[in-house]
Amino acid sequence: MQQMNIYQMYYANNKKFGFWVERDSWERIIAKVTGIEGVQEGQPIPGKQPYHDHVPVQCEIYDLDGEYKNKQTLSGPGTFAYSMIKVSQEL
């Protein structure tokens, strides 16, 4: 699979939020991307690709048992440390 950062994943997901990611340094947690600061779903991300001026990305964190943990801003959304994943059921 081609490596992408969070911003590229948003475009790969047809400019829709709600996609799931994991980070290579996380253990037993996943995140659902819920928003990008200043961006309405379906709209382009401001700033130059592929880093878009490191605009903050909001997410919901879950453990692998599906338990909601918290909302937070992802660190380093422009890095290639994240992978888009499929979740078998909606959490």
Protein backbone atom coordinates (compact mmCIF):
# COMPACT_ATOMS: atom_id res chain seq x y z
CA MET A 1 0.00 0.00 0.00
CA GLN A 2 1.25 3.45 -0.88
CA GLN A 3 2.22 5.53 2.13
CA MET A 4 0.08 8.61 2.76
CA ASN A 5 -0.22 11.23 5.45
CA ILE A 6 -3.59 12.11 7.05
CA TYR A 7 -4.28 14.90 4.56
CA GLN A 8 -3.71 12.57 1.61
CA MET A 9 -5.99 9.99 3.26
CA TYR A 10 -8.76 12.60 3.41
CA TYR A 11 -8.48 13.07 -0.35
CA ALA A 12 -8.24 9.30 -0.93
CA ASN A 13 -11.47 8.98 1.07
CA ASN A 14 -13.25 11.32 -1.36
CA LYS A 15 -12.84 14.31 1.00
CA LYS A 16 -14.95 12.64 3.69
CA PHE A 17 -14.21 12.35 7.38
CA GLY A 18 -14.92 9.24 9.42
CA PHE A 19 -12.02 7.14 8.17
CA TRP A 20 -9.96 5.08 10.59
CA VAL A 21 -6.21 5.22 11.17
CA GLU A 22 -3.52 3.70 13.29
CA ARG A 23 -0.06 5.02 13.99
CA ASP A 24 3.05 2.87 13.94
CA SER A 25 3.93 3.91 17.53
CA TRP A 26 0.47 3.17 19.02
CA GLU A 27 -0.34 0.02 20.91
CA ARG A 28 -3.92 -1.26 21.11
CA ILE A 29 -5.57 2.00 20.00
CA ILE A 30 -7.03 3.33 16.75
CA ALA A 31 -8.46 6.69 15.75
CA LYS A 32 -11.44 7.88 13.73
CA VAL A 33 -10.65 11.12 11.90
CA THR A 34 -13.55 13.48 12.58
CA GLY A 35 -12.33 16.80 11.21
CA ILE A 36 -9.60 19.03 9.90
CA GLU A 37 -9.47 22.54 11.35
CA GLY A 38 -11.20 25.04 9.10
CA VAL A 39 -12.32 22.41 6.58
CA GLN A 40 -15.91 21.43 5.92
CA GLU A 41 -16.32 17.86 4.70
CA GLY A 42 -16.03 17.76 0.91
CA GLN A 43 -13.91 20.91 0.74
CA PRO A 44 -10.18 21.09 -0.08
CA ILE A 45 -7.61 21.55 2.67
CA PRO A 46 -5.89 24.96 2.61
CA GLY A 47 -2.13 25.13 2.21
CA LYS A 48 0.38 23.48 -0.07
CA GLN A 49 0.26 19.71 -0.59
CA PRO A 50 1.24 17.32 0.86
CA TYR A 51 1.60 19.00 4.28
CA HIS A 52 -1.10 21.71 4.09
CA ASP A 53 0.73 23.92 6.59
CA HIS A 54 0.22 21.18 9.23
CA VAL A 55 -3.43 22.13 9.83
CA PRO A 56 -4.66 20.38 13.02
CA VAL A 57 -6.65 17.16 12.61
CA GLN A 58 -9.28 16.10 15.17
CA CYS A 59 -10.08 12.50 15.98
CA GLU A 60 -11.76 10.12 18.41
CA ILE A 61 -9.55 7.53 20.07
CA TYR A 62 -10.76 3.96 20.70
CA ASP A 63 -9.09 0.88 22.11
CA LEU A 64 -9.13 -2.34 20.10
CA ASP A 65 -12.11 -3.59 22.10
CA GLY A 66 -14.13 -0.69 20.69
CA GLU A 67 -14.20 1.34 23.88
CA TYR A 68 -14.21 5.11 23.30
CA LYS A 69 -11.33 6.83 25.10
CA ASN A 70 -11.35 10.53 24.19
CA LYS A 71 -11.24 13.23 21.54
CA GLN A 72 -7.93 14.80 20.67
CA THR A 73 -5.82 16.46 18.03
CA LEU A 74 -3.55 14.07 16.15
CA SER A 75 0.14 14.77 16.48
CA GLY A 76 2.08 15.05 13.25
CA PRO A 77 -0.73 14.52 10.73
CA GLY A 78 1.67 15.38 7.91
CA THR A 79 3.99 12.48 8.75
CA PHE A 80 3.81 9.11 7.09
CA ALA A 81 3.57 7.26 10.42
CA TYR A 82 -0.19 6.63 10.01
CA SER A 83 -2.00 3.93 8.05
CA MET A 84 -5.63 3.97 6.96
CA ILE A 85 -7.39 0.88 8.26
CA LYS A 86 -10.76 -0.77 7.85
CA VAL A 87 -12.87 -1.34 10.95
CA SER A 88 -15.21 -4.32 10.67
CA GLN A 89 -17.99 -2.65 12.63
CA GLU A 90 -18.83 0.95 13.38
CA LEU A 91 -17.65 1.84 16.89
